[in-house]
Amino acid sequence: MFRFKKVRILCASSGNDYVKSQKQNEMIVSITGATGLIGKRLVQRLHADNHRVRVLTRSRPKALSSFPVKDFPRIEIAVEQEWKTTFKVQQQS
């Protein structure tokens, strides 16, 4: 018997097509399941492509062991209680 987890991708915008970051092609991506098999590879790829990654996790120690700060300096790690503040929409001026 096989059991599969569902993958859900959510996109949010502030009324524009997307929220532009300081770099034209940089994305800000929040990921749940980042310490799993597929999530780890996704985070590594996004980081290698110079995108900002936010790891949404229930276990900060597990996330830090998967993504050490010395190897992944730009990754933000947020535990469940911090998720709400992670999704603040940036206003464009």
PDB file of N, CA and C in Angstrom:
ATOM      1  N   MET A   1       0.841  -1.177   0.000  1.00  0.00           N
ATOM      2  CA  MET A   1       0.000   0.000   0.000  1.00  0.00           C
ATOM      3  C   MET A   1       0.887   1.240   0.000  1.00  0.00           C
ATOM      4  N   PHE A   2       0.583   2.168  -0.855  1.00  0.00           N
ATOM      5  CA  PHE A   2       1.348   3.396  -0.956  1.00  0.00           C
ATOM      6  C   PHE A   2       0.561   4.549  -0.349  1.00  0.00           C
ATOM      7  N   ARG A   3       1.268   5.420   0.339  1.00  0.00           N
ATOM      8  CA  ARG A   3       0.635   6.621   0.895  1.00  0.00           C
ATOM      9  C   ARG A   3       1.401   7.818   0.367  1.00  0.00           C
ATOM     10  N   PHE A   4       0.691   8.779  -0.150  1.00  0.00           N
ATOM     11  CA  PHE A   4       1.308   9.977  -0.688  1.00  0.00           C
ATOM     12  C   PHE A   4       0.816  11.190   0.076  1.00  0.00           C
ATOM     13  N   LYS A   5       1.721  12.109   0.283  1.00  0.00           N
ATOM     14  CA  LYS A   5       1.331  13.375   0.887  1.00  0.00           C
ATOM     15  C   LYS A   5       0.901  14.314  -0.216  1.00  0.00           C
ATOM     16  N   LYS A   6      -0.072  15.137   0.066  1.00  0.00           N
ATOM     17  CA  LYS A   6      -0.505  16.134  -0.901  1.00  0.00           C
ATOM     18  C   LYS A   6       0.436  17.316  -0.870  1.00  0.00           C
ATOM     19  N   VAL A   7       0.681  17.874  -2.015  1.00  0.00           N
ATOM     20  CA  VAL A   7       1.507  19.071  -2.127  1.00  0.00           C
ATOM     21  C   VAL A   7       0.589  20.224  -2.485  1.00  0.00           C
ATOM     22  N   ARG A   8       0.701  21.313  -1.753  1.00  0.00           N
ATOM     23  CA  ARG A   8      -0.136  22.470  -2.003  1.00  0.00           C
ATOM     24  C   ARG A   8       0.763  23.671  -2.233  1.00  0.00           C
ATOM     25  N   ILE A   9       0.555  24.374  -3.322  1.00  0.00           N
ATOM     26  CA  ILE A   9       1.315  25.571  -3.631  1.00  0.00           C
ATOM     27  C   ILE A   9       0.365  26.751  -3.607  1.00  0.00           C
ATOM     28  N   LEU A  10       0.694  27.744  -2.794  1.00  0.00           N
ATOM     29  CA  LEU A  10      -0.134  28.929  -2.679  1.00  0.00           C
ATOM     30  C   LEU A  10       0.655  30.149  -3.133  1.00  0.00           C
ATOM     31  N   CYS A  11       0.020  31.016  -3.870  1.00  0.00           N
ATOM     32  CA  CYS A  11       0.664  32.249  -4.315  1.00  0.00           C
ATOM     33  C   CYS A  11      -0.175  33.423  -3.828  1.00  0.00           C
ATOM     34  N   ALA A  12       0.486  34.443  -3.349  1.00  0.00           N
ATOM     35  CA  ALA A  12      -0.214  35.631  -2.875  1.00  0.00           C
ATOM     36  C   ALA A  12       0.360  36.853  -3.568  1.00  0.00           C
ATOM     37  N   SER A  13      -0.493  37.827  -3.807  1.00  0.00           N
ATOM     38  CA  SER A  13      -0.001  39.065  -4.405  1.00  0.00           C
ATOM     39  C   SER A  13      -0.703  40.238  -3.755  1.00  0.00           C
ATOM     40  N   SER A  14      -0.157  41.425  -3.967  1.00  0.00           N
ATOM     41  CA  SER A  14      -0.736  42.625  -3.359  1.00  0.00           C
ATOM     42  C   SER A  14      -1.597  43.377  -4.372  1.00  0.00           C
ATOM     43  N   GLY A  15      -2.203  42.665  -5.295  1.00  0.00           N
ATOM     44  CA  GLY A  15      -3.022  43.317  -6.301  1.00  0.00           C
ATOM     45  C   GLY A  15      -2.293  43.416  -7.637  1.00  0.00           C
ATOM     46  N   ASN A  16      -0.982  43.418  -7.614  1.00  0.00           N
ATOM     47  CA  ASN A  16      -0.209  43.398  -8.846  1.00  0.00           C
ATOM     48  C   ASN A  16      -0.025  41.956  -9.271  1.00  0.00           C
ATOM     49  N   ASP A  17       0.600  41.732 -10.404  1.00  0.00           N
ATOM     50  CA  ASP A  17       0.855  40.357 -10.842  1.00  0.00           C
ATOM     51  C   ASP A  17       1.737  39.629  -9.846  1.00  0.00           C
ATOM     52  N   TYR A  18       2.687  40.326  -9.252  1.00  0.00           N
ATOM     53  CA  TYR A  18       3.565  39.756  -8.239  1.00  0.00           C
ATOM     54  C   TYR A  18       4.234  40.891  -7.487  1.00  0.00           C
ATOM     55  N   VAL A  19       4.764  40.558  -6.337  1.00  0.00           N
ATOM     56  CA  VAL A  19       5.463  41.564  -5.534  1.00  0.00           C
ATOM     57  C   VAL A  19       6.912  41.557  -5.965  1.00  0.00           C
ATOM     58  N   LYS A  20       7.363  42.665  -6.506  1.00  0.00           N
ATOM     59  CA  LYS A  20       8.747  42.734  -6.960  1.00  0.00           C
ATOM     60  C   LYS A  20       9.661  42.920  -5.763  1.00  0.00           C
ATOM     61  N   SER A  21      10.742  42.193  -5.767  1.00  0.00           N
ATOM     62  CA  SER A  21      11.739  42.369  -4.726  1.00  0.00           C
ATOM     63  C   SER A  21      12.800  43.321  -5.248  1.00  0.00           C
ATOM     64  N   GLN A  22      13.840  43.515  -4.483  1.00  0.00           N
ATOM     65  CA  GLN A  22      14.872  44.457  -4.878  1.00  0.00           C
ATOM     66  C   GLN A  22      15.542  44.020  -6.173  1.00  0.00           C
ATOM     67  N   LYS A  23      15.702  42.748  -6.385  1.00  0.00           N
ATOM     68  CA  LYS A  23      16.239  42.251  -7.646  1.00  0.00           C
ATOM     69  C   LYS A  23      15.065  41.927  -8.556  1.00  0.00           C
ATOM     70  N   GLN A  24      15.195  42.216  -9.813  1.00  0.00           N
ATOM     71  CA  GLN A  24      14.098  42.021 -10.764  1.00  0.00           C
ATOM     72  C   GLN A  24      13.626  40.570 -10.828  1.00  0.00           C
ATOM     73  N   ASN A  25      14.532  39.610 -10.856  1.00  0.00           N
ATOM     74  CA  ASN A  25      14.156  38.207 -11.031  1.00  0.00           C
ATOM     75  C   ASN A  25      14.126  37.409  -9.739  1.00  0.00           C
ATOM     76  N   GLU A  26      14.309  38.044  -8.597  1.00  0.00           N
ATOM     77  CA  GLU A  26      14.332  37.335  -7.323  1.00  0.00           C
ATOM     78  C   GLU A  26      12.916  37.061  -6.839  1.00  0.00           C
ATOM     79  N   MET A  27      12.677  35.831  -6.409  1.00  0.00           N
ATOM     80  CA  MET A  27      11.394  35.470  -5.816  1.00  0.00           C
ATOM     81  C   MET A  27      11.576  35.316  -4.313  1.00  0.00           C
ATOM     82  N   ILE A  28      10.501  35.523  -3.581  1.00  0.00           N
ATOM     83  CA  ILE A  28      10.466  35.222  -2.158  1.00  0.00           C
ATOM     84  C   ILE A  28       9.514  34.038  -2.024  1.00  0.00           C
ATOM     85  N   VAL A  29      10.053  32.889  -1.605  1.00  0.00           N
ATOM     86  CA  VAL A  29       9.276  31.656  -1.590  1.00  0.00           C
ATOM     87  C   VAL A  29       9.201  31.119  -0.169  1.00  0.00           C
ATOM     88  N   SER A  30       7.977  30.847   0.311  1.00  0.00           N
ATOM     89  CA  SER A  30       7.768  30.221   1.614  1.00  0.00           C
ATOM     90  C   SER A  30       7.419  28.758   1.377  1.00  0.00           C
ATOM     91  N   ILE A  31       8.096  27.868   2.097  1.00  0.00           N
ATOM     92  CA  ILE A  31       7.940  26.437   1.846  1.00  0.00           C
ATOM     93  C   ILE A  31       7.637  25.687   3.138  1.00  0.00           C
ATOM     94  N   THR A  32       6.565  24.904   3.115  1.00  0.00           N
ATOM     95  CA  THR A  32       6.320  23.938   4.186  1.00  0.00           C
ATOM     96  C   THR A  32       6.831  22.593   3.672  1.00  0.00           C
ATOM     97  N   GLY A  33       7.216  21.722   4.558  1.00  0.00           N
ATOM     98  CA  GLY A  33       7.750  20.432   4.142  1.00  0.00           C
ATOM     99  C   GLY A  33       9.177  20.533   3.611  1.00  0.00           C
ATOM    100  N   ALA A  34       9.874  21.589   3.977  1.00  0.00           N
ATOM    101  CA  ALA A  34      11.212  21.844   3.443  1.00  0.00           C
ATOM    102  C   ALA A  34      12.259  20.843   3.928  1.00  0.00           C
ATOM    103  N   THR A  35      12.005  20.152   5.029  1.00  0.00           N
ATOM    104  CA  THR A  35      12.985  19.185   5.527  1.00  0.00           C
ATOM    105  C   THR A  35      12.727  17.781   4.997  1.00  0.00           C
ATOM    106  N   GLY A  36      11.701  17.635   4.165  1.00  0.00           N
ATOM    107  CA  GLY A  36      11.402  16.343   3.560  1.00  0.00           C
ATOM    108  C   GLY A  36      12.238  16.104   2.311  1.00  0.00           C
ATOM    109  N   LEU A  37      12.025  14.967   1.683  1.00  0.00           N
ATOM    110  CA  LEU A  37      12.811  14.544   0.530  1.00  0.00           C
ATOM    111  C   LEU A  37      12.768  15.567  -0.609  1.00  0.00           C
ATOM    112  N   ILE A  38      11.599  15.947  -1.037  1.00  0.00           N
ATOM    113  CA  ILE A  38      11.459  16.888  -2.150  1.00  0.00           C
ATOM    114  C   ILE A  38      11.734  18.316  -1.692  1.00  0.00           C
ATOM    115  N   GLY A  39      11.263  18.657  -0.504  1.00  0.00           N
ATOM    116  CA  GLY A  39      11.444  20.014   0.011  1.00  0.00           C
ATOM    117  C   GLY A  39      12.897  20.422   0.124  1.00  0.00           C
ATOM    118  N   LYS A  40      13.756  19.507   0.576  1.00  0.00           N
ATOM    119  CA  LYS A  40      15.188  19.817   0.699  1.00  0.00           C
ATOM    120  C   LYS A  40      15.778  20.187  -0.651  1.00  0.00           C
ATOM    121  N   ARG A  41      15.446  19.395  -1.672  1.00  0.00           N
ATOM    122  CA  ARG A  41      15.978  19.660  -3.018  1.00  0.00           C
ATOM    123  C   ARG A  41      15.436  20.969  -3.564  1.00  0.00           C
ATOM    124  N   LEU A  42      14.183  21.252  -3.285  1.00  0.00           N
ATOM    125  CA  LEU A  42      13.583  22.505  -3.747  1.00  0.00           C
ATOM    126  C   LEU A  42      14.259  23.710  -3.105  1.00  0.00           C
ATOM    127  N   VAL A  43      14.477  23.654  -1.795  1.00  0.00           N
ATOM    128  CA  VAL A  43      15.156  24.747  -1.087  1.00  0.00           C
ATOM    129  C   VAL A  43      16.572  24.927  -1.625  1.00  0.00           C
ATOM    130  N   GLN A  44      17.289  23.834  -1.815  1.00  0.00           N
ATOM    131  CA  GLN A  44      18.657  23.922  -2.339  1.00  0.00           C
ATOM    132  C   GLN A  44      18.679  24.573  -3.711  1.00  0.00           C
ATOM    133  N   ARG A  45      17.732  24.201  -4.565  1.00  0.00           N
ATOM    134  CA  ARG A  45      17.690  24.760  -5.925  1.00  0.00           C
ATOM    135  C   ARG A  45      17.338  26.247  -5.903  1.00  0.00           C
ATOM    136  N   LEU A  46      16.334  26.621  -5.130  1.00  0.00           N
ATOM    137  CA  LEU A  46      15.944  28.030  -5.040  1.00  0.00           C
ATOM    138  C   LEU A  46      17.079  28.868  -4.475  1.00  0.00           C
ATOM    139  N   HIS A  47      17.763  28.346  -3.467  1.00  0.00           N
ATOM    140  CA  HIS A  47      18.891  29.054  -2.868  1.00  0.00           C
ATOM    141  C   HIS A  47      20.019  29.211  -3.886  1.00  0.00           C
ATOM    142  N   ALA A  48      20.307  28.163  -4.645  1.00  0.00           N
ATOM    143  CA  ALA A  48      21.359  28.218  -5.669  1.00  0.00           C
ATOM    144  C   ALA A  48      21.025  29.233  -6.762  1.00  0.00           C
ATOM    145  N   ASP A  49      19.728  29.429  -7.014  1.00  0.00           N
ATOM    146  CA  ASP A  49      19.281  30.397  -8.025  1.00  0.00           C
ATOM    147  C   ASP A  49      19.099  31.800  -7.450  1.00  0.00           C
ATOM    148  N   ASN A  50      19.596  32.018  -6.226  1.00  0.00           N
ATOM    149  CA  ASN A  50      19.574  33.328  -5.547  1.00  0.00           C
ATOM    150  C   ASN A  50      18.184  33.876  -5.264  1.00  0.00           C
ATOM    151  N   HIS A  51      17.261  32.993  -4.915  1.00  0.00           N
ATOM    152  CA  HIS A  51      15.944  33.424  -4.473  1.00  0.00           C
ATOM    153  C   HIS A  51      15.928  33.450  -2.948  1.00  0.00           C
ATOM    154  N   ARG A  52      15.035  34.248  -2.368  1.00  0.00           N
ATOM    155  CA  ARG A  52      14.878  34.285  -0.908  1.00  0.00           C
ATOM    156  C   ARG A  52      13.925  33.174  -0.505  1.00  0.00           C
ATOM    157  N   VAL A  53      14.366  32.347   0.431  1.00  0.00           N
ATOM    158  CA  VAL A  53      13.571  31.196   0.847  1.00  0.00           C
ATOM    159  C   VAL A  53      13.207  31.328   2.317  1.00  0.00           C
ATOM    160  N   ARG A  54      11.941  31.091   2.602  1.00  0.00           N
ATOM    161  CA  ARG A  54      11.446  31.051   3.985  1.00  0.00           C
ATOM    162  C   ARG A  54      10.994  29.630   4.270  1.00  0.00           C
ATOM    163  N   VAL A  55      11.651  28.980   5.201  1.00  0.00           N
ATOM    164  CA  VAL A  55      11.309  27.616   5.592  1.00  0.00           C
ATOM    165  C   VAL A  55      10.307  27.702   6.739  1.00  0.00           C
ATOM    166  N   LEU A  56       9.100  27.197   6.510  1.00  0.00           N
ATOM    167  CA  LEU A  56       8.059  27.183   7.534  1.00  0.00           C
ATOM    168  C   LEU A  56       8.067  25.787   8.153  1.00  0.00           C
ATOM    169  N   THR A  57       8.435  25.704   9.423  1.00  0.00           N
ATOM    170  CA  THR A  57       8.666  24.404  10.051  1.00  0.00           C
ATOM    171  C   THR A  57       8.050  24.316  11.435  1.00  0.00           C
ATOM    172  N   ARG A  58       7.872  23.109  11.911  1.00  0.00           N
ATOM    173  CA  ARG A  58       7.448  22.894  13.296  1.00  0.00           C
ATOM    174  C   ARG A  58       8.655  22.677  14.188  1.00  0.00           C
ATOM    175  N   SER A  59       9.818  22.397  13.588  1.00  0.00           N
ATOM    176  CA  SER A  59      11.017  22.095  14.369  1.00  0.00           C
ATOM    177  C   SER A  59      12.212  22.899  13.853  1.00  0.00           C
ATOM    178  N   ARG A  60      12.547  23.980  14.565  1.00  0.00           N
ATOM    179  CA  ARG A  60      13.698  24.793  14.173  1.00  0.00           C
ATOM    180  C   ARG A  60      15.000  23.975  14.174  1.00  0.00           C
ATOM    181  N   PRO A  61      15.259  23.119  15.207  1.00  0.00           N
ATOM    182  CA  PRO A  61      16.498  22.326  15.188  1.00  0.00           C
ATOM    183  C   PRO A  61      16.616  21.421  13.954  1.00  0.00           C
ATOM    184  N   LYS A  62      15.516  20.816  13.541  1.00  0.00           N
ATOM    185  CA  LYS A  62      15.549  19.951  12.354  1.00  0.00           C
ATOM    186  C   LYS A  62      15.843  20.774  11.101  1.00  0.00           C
ATOM    187  N   ALA A  63      15.223  21.938  10.991  1.00  0.00           N
ATOM    188  CA  ALA A  63      15.461  22.802   9.833  1.00  0.00           C
ATOM    189  C   ALA A  63      16.907  23.303   9.819  1.00  0.00           C
ATOM    190  N   LEU A  64      17.424  23.666  10.986  1.00  0.00           N
ATOM    191  CA  LEU A  64      18.812  24.146  11.063  1.00  0.00           C
ATOM    192  C   LEU A  64      19.807  23.037  10.735  1.00  0.00           C
ATOM    193  N   SER A  65      19.465  21.788  11.075  1.00  0.00           N
ATOM    194  CA  SER A  65      20.371  20.691  10.724  1.00  0.00           C
ATOM    195  C   SER A  65      20.331  20.410   9.217  1.00  0.00           C
ATOM    196  N   SER A  66      19.186  20.640   8.586  1.00  0.00           N
ATOM    197  CA  SER A  66      19.071  20.450   7.137  1.00  0.00           C
ATOM    198  C   SER A  66      19.677  21.611   6.359  1.00  0.00           C
ATOM    199  N   PHE A  67      19.556  22.821   6.929  1.00  0.00           N
ATOM    200  CA  PHE A  67      20.024  24.030   6.249  1.00  0.00           C
ATOM    201  C   PHE A  67      20.884  24.864   7.197  1.00  0.00           C
ATOM    202  N   PRO A  68      22.149  24.442   7.426  1.00  0.00           N
ATOM    203  CA  PRO A  68      23.010  25.196   8.344  1.00  0.00           C
ATOM    204  C   PRO A  68      23.254  26.620   7.842  1.00  0.00           C
ATOM    205  N   VAL A  69      23.319  27.547   8.769  1.00  0.00           N
ATOM    206  CA  VAL A  69      23.468  28.965   8.440  1.00  0.00           C
ATOM    207  C   VAL A  69      24.726  29.220   7.613  1.00  0.00           C
ATOM    208  N   LYS A  70      25.808  28.510   7.886  1.00  0.00           N
ATOM    209  CA  LYS A  70      27.057  28.737   7.136  1.00  0.00           C
ATOM    210  C   LYS A  70      26.906  28.381   5.662  1.00  0.00           C
ATOM    211  N   ASP A  71      26.048  27.409   5.339  1.00  0.00           N
ATOM    212  CA  ASP A  71      25.836  27.004   3.948  1.00  0.00           C
ATOM    213  C   ASP A  71      24.647  27.711   3.293  1.00  0.00           C
ATOM    214  N   PHE A  72      23.690  28.141   4.100  1.00  0.00           N
ATOM    215  CA  PHE A  72      22.470  28.770   3.600  1.00  0.00           C
ATOM    216  C   PHE A  72      22.221  30.076   4.356  1.00  0.00           C
ATOM    217  N   PRO A  73      23.051  31.094   4.153  1.00  0.00           N
ATOM    218  CA  PRO A  73      22.958  32.313   4.961  1.00  0.00           C
ATOM    219  C   PRO A  73      21.702  33.157   4.724  1.00  0.00           C
ATOM    220  N   ARG A  74      21.078  33.051   3.567  1.00  0.00           N
ATOM    221  CA  ARG A  74      19.924  33.909   3.266  1.00  0.00           C
ATOM    222  C   ARG A  74      18.576  33.257   3.582  1.00  0.00           C
ATOM    223  N   ILE A  75      18.577  32.028   4.040  1.00  0.00           N
ATOM    224  CA  ILE A  75      17.323  31.334   4.317  1.00  0.00           C
ATOM    225  C   ILE A  75      16.768  31.768   5.663  1.00  0.00           C
ATOM    226  N   GLU A  76      15.476  32.069   5.689  1.00  0.00           N
ATOM    227  CA  GLU A  76      14.781  32.408   6.937  1.00  0.00           C
ATOM    228  C   GLU A  76      14.051  31.168   7.421  1.00  0.00           C
ATOM    229  N   ILE A  77      14.164  30.878   8.710  1.00  0.00           N
ATOM    230  CA  ILE A  77      13.459  29.736   9.286  1.00  0.00           C
ATOM    231  C   ILE A  77      12.434  30.264  10.274  1.00  0.00           C
ATOM    232  N   ALA A  78      11.176  29.872  10.077  1.00  0.00           N
ATOM    233  CA  ALA A  78      10.094  30.329  10.951  1.00  0.00           C
ATOM    234  C   ALA A  78       9.351  29.120  11.508  1.00  0.00           C
ATOM    235  N   VAL A  79       9.210  29.080  12.830  1.00  0.00           N
ATOM    236  CA  VAL A  79       8.416  28.017  13.461  1.00  0.00           C
ATOM    237  C   VAL A  79       6.947  28.395  13.385  1.00  0.00           C
ATOM    238  N   GLU A  80       6.097  27.453  13.677  1.00  0.00           N
ATOM    239  CA  GLU A  80       4.657  27.619  13.481  1.00  0.00           C
ATOM    240  C   GLU A  80       4.088  28.909  14.080  1.00  0.00           C
ATOM    241  N   GLN A  81       4.543  29.293  15.252  1.00  0.00           N
ATOM    242  CA  GLN A  81       4.024  30.497  15.895  1.00  0.00           C
ATOM    243  C   GLN A  81       4.402  31.762  15.121  1.00  0.00           C
ATOM    244  N   GLU A  82       5.441  31.709  14.304  1.00  0.00           N
ATOM    245  CA  GLU A  82       5.918  32.869  13.553  1.00  0.00           C
ATOM    246  C   GLU A  82       5.373  32.932  12.133  1.00  0.00           C
ATOM    247  N   TRP A  83       4.632  31.931  11.701  1.00  0.00           N
ATOM    248  CA  TRP A  83       4.184  31.868  10.313  1.00  0.00           C
ATOM    249  C   TRP A  83       3.346  33.076   9.927  1.00  0.00           C
ATOM    250  N   LYS A  84       2.490  33.515  10.809  1.00  0.00           N
ATOM    251  CA  LYS A  84       1.590  34.622  10.500  1.00  0.00           C
ATOM    252  C   LYS A  84       2.365  35.891  10.144  1.00  0.00           C
ATOM    253  N   THR A  85       3.419  36.185  10.885  1.00  0.00           N
ATOM    254  CA  THR A  85       4.201  37.396  10.615  1.00  0.00           C
ATOM    255  C   THR A  85       5.090  37.239   9.382  1.00  0.00           C
ATOM    256  N   THR A  86       5.311  36.013   8.960  1.00  0.00           N
ATOM    257  CA  THR A  86       6.136  35.758   7.780  1.00  0.00           C
ATOM    258  C   THR A  86       5.431  36.183   6.495  1.00  0.00           C
ATOM    259  N   PHE A  87       4.106  36.201   6.508  1.00  0.00           N
ATOM    260  CA  PHE A  87       3.347  36.480   5.302  1.00  0.00           C
ATOM    261  C   PHE A  87       2.897  37.922   5.153  1.00  0.00           C
ATOM    262  N   LYS A  88       3.604  38.848   5.733  1.00  0.00           N
ATOM    263  CA  LYS A  88       3.254  40.250   5.566  1.00  0.00           C
ATOM    264  C   LYS A  88       3.468  40.634   4.103  1.00  0.00           C
ATOM    265  N   VAL A  89       2.479  41.261   3.522  1.00  0.00           N
ATOM    266  CA  VAL A  89       2.575  41.702   2.128  1.00  0.00           C
ATOM    267  C   VAL A  89       3.295  43.034   2.084  1.00  0.00           C
ATOM    268  N   GLN A  90       4.294  43.125   1.229  1.00  0.00           N
ATOM    269  CA  GLN A  90       5.062  44.357   1.110  1.00  0.00           C
ATOM    270  C   GLN A  90       4.345  45.310   0.157  1.00  0.00           C
ATOM    271  N   GLN A  91       4.264  46.555   0.543  1.00  0.00           N
ATOM    272  CA  GLN A  91       3.653  47.577  -0.302  1.00  0.00           C
ATOM    273  C   GLN A  91       4.699  48.169  -1.232  1.00  0.00           C
ATOM    274  N   GLN A  92       4.335  48.359  -2.483  1.00  0.00           N
ATOM    275  CA  GLN A  92       5.248  49.008  -3.415  1.00  0.00           C
ATOM    276  C   GLN A  92       5.016  50.499  -3.384  1.00  0.00           C
ATOM    277  N   SER A  93       6.111  51.258  -3.498  1.00  0.00           N
ATOM    278  CA  SER A  93       5.960  52.712  -3.500  1.00  0.00           C
ATOM    279  C   SER A  93       6.067  53.266  -4.896  1.00  0.00           C
TER     280      SER A  93
END
